[in-house]
N, C-alpha and C. Protein backbone atom coordinates (compact mmCIF):
# COMPACT_ATOMS: atom_id res chain seq x y z
N MET A 1 14.52 11.35 -16.50
CA MET A 1 14.26 11.04 -15.22
C MET A 1 15.48 10.60 -14.55
N SER A 2 15.71 11.37 -13.46
CA SER A 2 16.89 11.14 -12.60
C SER A 2 16.73 10.03 -11.53
N ALA A 3 17.90 9.56 -11.16
CA ALA A 3 17.98 8.43 -10.06
C ALA A 3 17.16 8.83 -9.00
N ILE A 4 17.43 10.16 -8.45
CA ILE A 4 16.66 10.67 -7.27
C ILE A 4 15.05 10.69 -7.42
N GLN A 5 14.63 11.07 -8.63
CA GLN A 5 13.25 10.99 -8.92
C GLN A 5 12.82 9.63 -8.94
N LEU A 6 13.45 8.55 -9.40
CA LEU A 6 13.14 7.15 -9.39
C LEU A 6 12.98 6.63 -8.03
N ILE A 7 14.02 6.94 -7.19
CA ILE A 7 13.99 6.44 -5.90
C ILE A 7 12.99 7.09 -5.10
N LEU A 8 12.54 8.43 -5.37
CA LEU A 8 11.42 9.06 -4.54
C LEU A 8 10.11 8.57 -5.17
N ALA A 9 10.06 8.15 -6.19
CA ALA A 9 8.76 7.46 -6.85
C ALA A 9 8.60 6.17 -6.15
N ILE A 10 9.63 5.26 -5.97
CA ILE A 10 9.60 4.04 -5.31
C ILE A 10 9.09 4.21 -3.96
N LEU A 11 9.75 5.06 -3.21
CA LEU A 11 9.36 5.30 -1.85
C LEU A 11 7.97 5.85 -1.58
N THR A 12 7.57 6.70 -2.71
CA THR A 12 6.07 7.01 -2.50
C THR A 12 5.17 5.97 -2.70
N VAL A 13 5.43 5.19 -3.63
CA VAL A 13 4.51 3.90 -3.91
C VAL A 13 4.46 3.09 -2.62
N TRP A 14 5.65 2.85 -2.14
CA TRP A 14 5.78 2.15 -0.93
C TRP A 14 4.99 2.62 0.19
N ARG A 15 5.34 3.91 0.47
CA ARG A 15 4.68 4.69 1.70
C ARG A 15 3.12 4.67 1.52
N VAL A 16 2.60 5.23 0.42
CA VAL A 16 1.06 5.19 0.36
C VAL A 16 0.43 3.82 0.36
N THR A 17 1.17 2.98 -0.28
CA THR A 17 0.47 1.50 -0.24
C THR A 17 0.54 0.86 1.22
N HIS A 18 1.78 1.11 1.87
CA HIS A 18 1.68 0.64 3.29
C HIS A 18 0.87 1.34 4.22
N LEU A 19 0.66 2.66 3.97
CA LEU A 19 -0.43 3.40 4.82
C LEU A 19 -1.71 2.64 4.58
N LEU A 20 -2.13 2.53 3.49
CA LEU A 20 -3.46 1.99 3.09
C LEU A 20 -3.57 0.49 3.38
N THR A 21 -2.71 -0.26 3.45
CA THR A 21 -2.78 -1.68 3.81
C THR A 21 -2.51 -2.03 5.15
N ALA A 22 -1.72 -1.27 5.87
CA ALA A 22 -1.20 -1.83 7.10
C ALA A 22 -1.10 -0.87 8.34
N GLU A 23 -1.65 0.45 8.24
CA GLU A 23 -1.53 1.49 9.20
C GLU A 23 -2.88 1.95 9.47
N ASP A 24 -2.91 2.62 10.79
CA ASP A 24 -4.29 3.19 11.11
C ASP A 24 -4.51 4.55 10.41
N GLY A 25 -3.38 5.25 10.23
CA GLY A 25 -3.51 6.70 9.67
C GLY A 25 -3.84 7.50 10.77
N PRO A 26 -3.79 8.87 10.42
CA PRO A 26 -3.96 9.87 11.48
C PRO A 26 -5.47 9.88 11.90
N PHE A 27 -5.61 10.00 13.11
CA PHE A 27 -7.01 9.83 13.58
C PHE A 27 -7.85 8.50 13.17
N GLU A 28 -7.03 7.48 12.84
CA GLU A 28 -7.58 6.39 12.49
C GLU A 28 -8.53 6.42 11.22
N ILE A 29 -8.24 7.45 10.28
CA ILE A 29 -8.94 7.50 9.10
C ILE A 29 -8.77 6.27 8.18
N VAL A 30 -7.59 5.84 8.13
CA VAL A 30 -7.44 4.63 7.05
C VAL A 30 -8.12 3.42 7.78
N THR A 31 -8.06 3.28 9.13
CA THR A 31 -8.85 2.22 9.68
C THR A 31 -10.38 2.29 9.27
N ARG A 32 -10.90 3.39 9.39
CA ARG A 32 -12.16 3.69 9.07
C ARG A 32 -12.62 3.46 7.65
N LEU A 33 -11.54 3.68 6.78
CA LEU A 33 -11.72 3.45 5.43
C LEU A 33 -11.81 2.00 5.14
N ARG A 34 -10.88 1.40 5.70
CA ARG A 34 -10.92 -0.17 5.69
C ARG A 34 -12.19 -0.88 6.00
N LEU A 35 -12.72 -0.20 7.09
CA LEU A 35 -13.98 -0.91 7.78
C LEU A 35 -15.12 -0.67 6.83
N ARG A 36 -15.06 0.66 6.16
CA ARG A 36 -16.13 0.90 5.22
C ARG A 36 -16.06 0.08 4.03
N ALA A 37 -14.91 -0.10 3.57
CA ALA A 37 -14.63 -0.93 2.26
C ALA A 37 -15.25 -2.23 2.51
N GLY A 38 -15.23 -2.89 3.67
CA GLY A 38 -15.73 -4.26 3.82
C GLY A 38 -15.06 -5.29 3.15
N SER A 39 -15.87 -6.26 2.65
CA SER A 39 -15.19 -7.38 1.99
C SER A 39 -15.27 -7.40 0.61
N GLY A 40 -15.81 -6.20 -0.09
CA GLY A 40 -16.05 -6.34 -1.55
C GLY A 40 -14.62 -6.08 -2.28
N TRP A 41 -14.71 -5.69 -3.43
CA TRP A 41 -13.58 -5.41 -4.26
C TRP A 41 -12.59 -4.54 -3.73
N PHE A 42 -13.05 -3.44 -3.18
CA PHE A 42 -12.18 -2.42 -2.75
C PHE A 42 -11.62 -2.79 -1.47
N GLY A 43 -12.45 -3.56 -0.68
CA GLY A 43 -11.85 -4.05 0.69
C GLY A 43 -10.75 -4.95 0.48
N LYS A 44 -10.99 -5.91 -0.41
CA LYS A 44 -9.95 -6.95 -0.81
C LYS A 44 -8.70 -6.22 -1.26
N LEU A 45 -8.86 -5.20 -2.03
CA LEU A 45 -7.66 -4.52 -2.66
C LEU A 45 -6.96 -3.85 -1.58
N LEU A 46 -7.65 -3.26 -0.40
CA LEU A 46 -6.87 -2.64 0.66
C LEU A 46 -6.09 -3.83 1.61
N ASP A 47 -6.58 -5.09 1.37
CA ASP A 47 -5.79 -6.06 2.03
C ASP A 47 -4.53 -6.60 1.53
N CYS A 48 -4.51 -6.27 0.23
CA CYS A 48 -3.20 -6.97 -0.54
C CYS A 48 -2.21 -5.84 -0.98
N PHE A 49 -1.14 -5.98 -0.38
CA PHE A 49 -0.13 -4.97 -0.77
C PHE A 49 0.37 -5.05 -2.19
N TYR A 50 0.50 -6.25 -2.62
CA TYR A 50 0.95 -6.51 -4.04
C TYR A 50 -0.15 -5.81 -5.11
N CYS A 51 -1.37 -5.98 -4.75
CA CYS A 51 -2.30 -5.55 -5.67
C CYS A 51 -2.47 -4.05 -5.56
N LEU A 52 -2.53 -3.52 -4.34
CA LEU A 52 -2.62 -2.13 -4.35
C LEU A 52 -1.44 -1.40 -4.87
N SER A 53 -0.22 -2.00 -4.69
CA SER A 53 0.92 -1.29 -5.25
C SER A 53 0.80 -1.10 -6.79
N LEU A 54 0.16 -1.99 -7.25
CA LEU A 54 -0.06 -1.64 -8.87
C LEU A 54 -0.89 -0.38 -9.05
N TRP A 55 -1.92 -0.37 -8.25
CA TRP A 55 -2.89 0.90 -8.50
C TRP A 55 -2.18 2.16 -8.06
N ILE A 56 -1.41 2.05 -7.13
CA ILE A 56 -0.89 3.40 -6.57
C ILE A 56 0.34 3.74 -7.54
N SER A 57 1.10 2.79 -8.14
CA SER A 57 2.19 3.07 -9.10
C SER A 57 1.69 3.59 -10.46
N ALA A 58 0.37 3.21 -10.92
CA ALA A 58 0.01 3.57 -12.26
C ALA A 58 0.01 5.14 -12.39
N PRO A 59 -0.73 5.94 -11.56
CA PRO A 59 -0.63 7.36 -11.91
C PRO A 59 0.74 7.91 -11.82
N LEU A 60 1.68 7.61 -11.01
CA LEU A 60 3.08 7.95 -10.97
C LEU A 60 3.68 7.70 -12.32
N ALA A 61 3.62 6.56 -12.80
CA ALA A 61 4.09 5.96 -14.10
C ALA A 61 3.58 6.82 -15.13
N LEU A 62 2.30 7.36 -15.18
CA LEU A 62 1.68 7.87 -16.29
C LEU A 62 2.30 9.41 -16.26
N TRP A 63 2.51 9.82 -15.16
CA TRP A 63 3.09 11.26 -14.96
C TRP A 63 4.58 11.34 -15.30
N MET A 64 5.29 10.33 -14.90
CA MET A 64 6.87 10.36 -14.93
C MET A 64 7.33 10.02 -16.42
N ASP A 65 6.41 9.49 -17.17
CA ASP A 65 7.03 9.17 -18.68
C ASP A 65 6.08 9.62 -19.57
N THR A 66 6.64 9.76 -20.94
CA THR A 66 5.59 10.20 -22.01
C THR A 66 5.38 9.24 -23.11
N GLN A 67 6.21 8.11 -22.96
CA GLN A 67 5.82 7.14 -24.07
C GLN A 67 5.31 5.88 -23.32
N TRP A 68 4.27 5.17 -24.07
CA TRP A 68 3.36 4.21 -23.50
C TRP A 68 4.35 2.93 -23.07
N LEU A 69 5.58 2.58 -23.81
CA LEU A 69 6.20 1.56 -23.12
C LEU A 69 6.90 1.84 -22.04
N GLY A 70 7.52 3.09 -22.03
CA GLY A 70 8.22 3.45 -20.72
C GLY A 70 7.15 3.58 -19.57
N ARG A 71 5.83 4.04 -19.74
CA ARG A 71 4.93 4.01 -18.76
C ARG A 71 4.65 2.62 -18.33
N VAL A 72 4.39 1.64 -19.09
CA VAL A 72 4.02 0.35 -18.63
C VAL A 72 5.27 -0.27 -17.83
N LEU A 73 6.46 -0.14 -18.39
CA LEU A 73 7.76 -0.59 -17.65
C LEU A 73 7.82 0.14 -16.24
N LEU A 74 7.60 1.38 -16.25
CA LEU A 74 7.76 1.98 -14.97
C LEU A 74 6.77 1.71 -14.09
N TRP A 75 5.42 1.50 -14.59
CA TRP A 75 4.29 1.10 -13.57
C TRP A 75 4.70 -0.30 -13.04
N LEU A 76 5.22 -1.21 -13.67
CA LEU A 76 5.33 -2.54 -13.18
C LEU A 76 6.71 -2.34 -12.38
N GLY A 77 7.74 -1.57 -12.75
CA GLY A 77 8.83 -1.44 -11.91
C GLY A 77 8.65 -0.87 -10.59
N LEU A 78 7.92 0.23 -10.61
CA LEU A 78 7.50 0.93 -9.34
C LEU A 78 6.79 0.08 -8.31
N SER A 79 5.92 -0.73 -9.05
CA SER A 79 5.14 -1.75 -8.00
C SER A 79 6.18 -2.82 -7.56
N ALA A 80 6.92 -3.37 -8.24
CA ALA A 80 7.96 -4.45 -7.92
C ALA A 80 8.91 -3.90 -6.91
N ALA A 81 9.37 -2.69 -7.11
CA ALA A 81 10.44 -1.92 -6.23
C ALA A 81 9.83 -1.80 -4.72
N ALA A 82 8.55 -1.43 -4.87
CA ALA A 82 7.84 -1.11 -3.47
C ALA A 82 7.56 -2.31 -2.86
N ILE A 83 7.42 -3.46 -3.50
CA ILE A 83 7.12 -4.76 -2.97
C ILE A 83 8.54 -5.28 -2.27
N LEU A 84 9.55 -4.90 -3.08
CA LEU A 84 10.92 -5.31 -2.54
C LEU A 84 11.25 -4.45 -1.36
N VAL A 85 10.92 -3.41 -1.16
CA VAL A 85 11.17 -2.46 -0.09
C VAL A 85 10.29 -2.84 1.11
N ASN A 86 9.01 -3.26 0.79
CA ASN A 86 8.14 -3.88 1.91
C ASN A 86 8.83 -5.13 2.43
N ARG A 87 9.08 -6.03 1.61
CA ARG A 87 9.71 -7.27 2.20
C ARG A 87 10.96 -7.09 2.94
N ALA A 88 11.76 -6.11 2.52
CA ALA A 88 12.97 -5.73 3.43
C ALA A 88 12.49 -5.09 4.65
N ALA A 89 11.56 -4.26 4.60
CA ALA A 89 11.09 -3.61 5.98
C ALA A 89 10.57 -4.75 6.85
N GLU A 90 9.77 -5.72 6.35
CA GLU A 90 9.18 -6.79 7.07
C GLU A 90 10.33 -7.73 7.69
N ALA A 91 11.37 -7.91 6.89
CA ALA A 91 12.51 -8.73 7.45
C ALA A 91 13.22 -8.09 8.52
N LEU A 92 13.28 -6.70 8.64
CA LEU A 92 13.94 -5.98 9.55
C LEU A 92 13.06 -5.86 10.88
N ALA A 93 11.71 -6.04 10.72
CA ALA A 93 10.89 -5.92 11.87
C ALA A 93 9.94 -7.08 11.86
N PRO A 94 10.23 -8.29 11.96
CA PRO A 94 9.23 -9.40 11.81
C PRO A 94 8.22 -9.53 12.93
N GLU A 95 8.39 -8.80 13.99
CA GLU A 95 7.29 -8.85 15.11
C GLU A 95 6.17 -8.15 14.99
N ARG A 96 6.34 -7.04 13.82
CA ARG A 96 5.25 -6.21 13.54
C ARG A 96 4.23 -6.84 12.51
N PRO A 97 3.01 -6.74 12.79
CA PRO A 97 1.90 -7.60 11.88
C PRO A 97 1.92 -6.62 10.69
N HIS A 98 1.72 -7.40 9.47
CA HIS A 98 1.56 -6.92 8.16
C HIS A 98 0.19 -7.13 7.64
N TYR A 99 -0.68 -7.13 8.56
CA TYR A 99 -2.13 -7.50 8.04
C TYR A 99 -3.04 -6.48 8.77
N PHE A 100 -4.14 -6.26 8.19
CA PHE A 100 -5.18 -5.45 8.98
C PHE A 100 -6.19 -6.52 9.62
N GLU A 101 -6.30 -6.02 11.02
CA GLU A 101 -7.19 -6.66 11.86
C GLU A 101 -8.09 -5.73 12.35
N ALA A 102 -9.45 -5.99 11.96
CA ALA A 102 -10.53 -5.06 12.45
C ALA A 102 -10.66 -5.08 13.89
N PRO A 103 -10.80 -3.86 14.44
CA PRO A 103 -11.13 -3.79 16.00
C PRO A 103 -12.21 -4.57 16.35
N ARG A 104 -12.07 -5.28 17.46
CA ARG A 104 -13.23 -6.06 17.91
C ARG A 104 -14.33 -5.20 18.78
N ALA A 105 -15.60 -5.45 18.65
CA ALA A 105 -16.47 -4.84 19.54
C ALA A 105 -16.46 -5.59 20.86
N ASP A 106 -16.73 -4.73 21.78
CA ASP A 106 -16.82 -5.21 23.09
C ASP A 106 -18.01 -6.12 23.33
N THR A 107 -17.65 -7.43 23.47
CA THR A 107 -18.79 -8.35 23.57
C THR A 107 -19.01 -8.93 24.93
N SER A 108 -18.13 -8.47 25.85
CA SER A 108 -18.24 -9.11 27.17
C SER A 108 -19.46 -8.47 27.87
N GLU A 109 -20.08 -9.42 28.53
CA GLU A 109 -21.46 -9.14 29.31
C GLU A 109 -21.16 -9.08 30.56
N GLU A 110 -21.69 -8.09 31.16
CA GLU A 110 -21.50 -7.99 32.75
C GLU A 110 -22.34 -9.05 33.36
N THR A 111 -21.72 -9.76 34.65
CA THR A 111 -22.55 -10.89 35.15
C THR A 111 -22.74 -10.50 36.60
C-alpha cells in the first residue's frame, strides 16, 4: 500500500462519515435518511462521528490488506485518522455546527 492510497483511504473515511453525520446531502437525501433512522440504533450511529467512522473504515480495511492483523490495525487507524481530520476541520471552522438538528415543523398558528 502506498502513502497516496493510505491518504486517500483516510480522506474517504472522513468524507463519507462527515456526509452521513453532519451534512444534508444532495437533494437532502441524507437528511431524510437520518429522519427515517429515528432514535434507534442506526439513528444513534448516524449522530456519532466516532462510532460511524469505525463502520465506514471497516470495508476499506478489509479491501486494502490481506492479513487479519493488518486489517485490524488499518481499520482502527483509518477511523482514528478520520477523527483527527474531523477535529482539525472543526478547529478551522468553529462556527459551523457539527451535529444534526432535525428541521422543525411549522407549528405557528394563525391568529
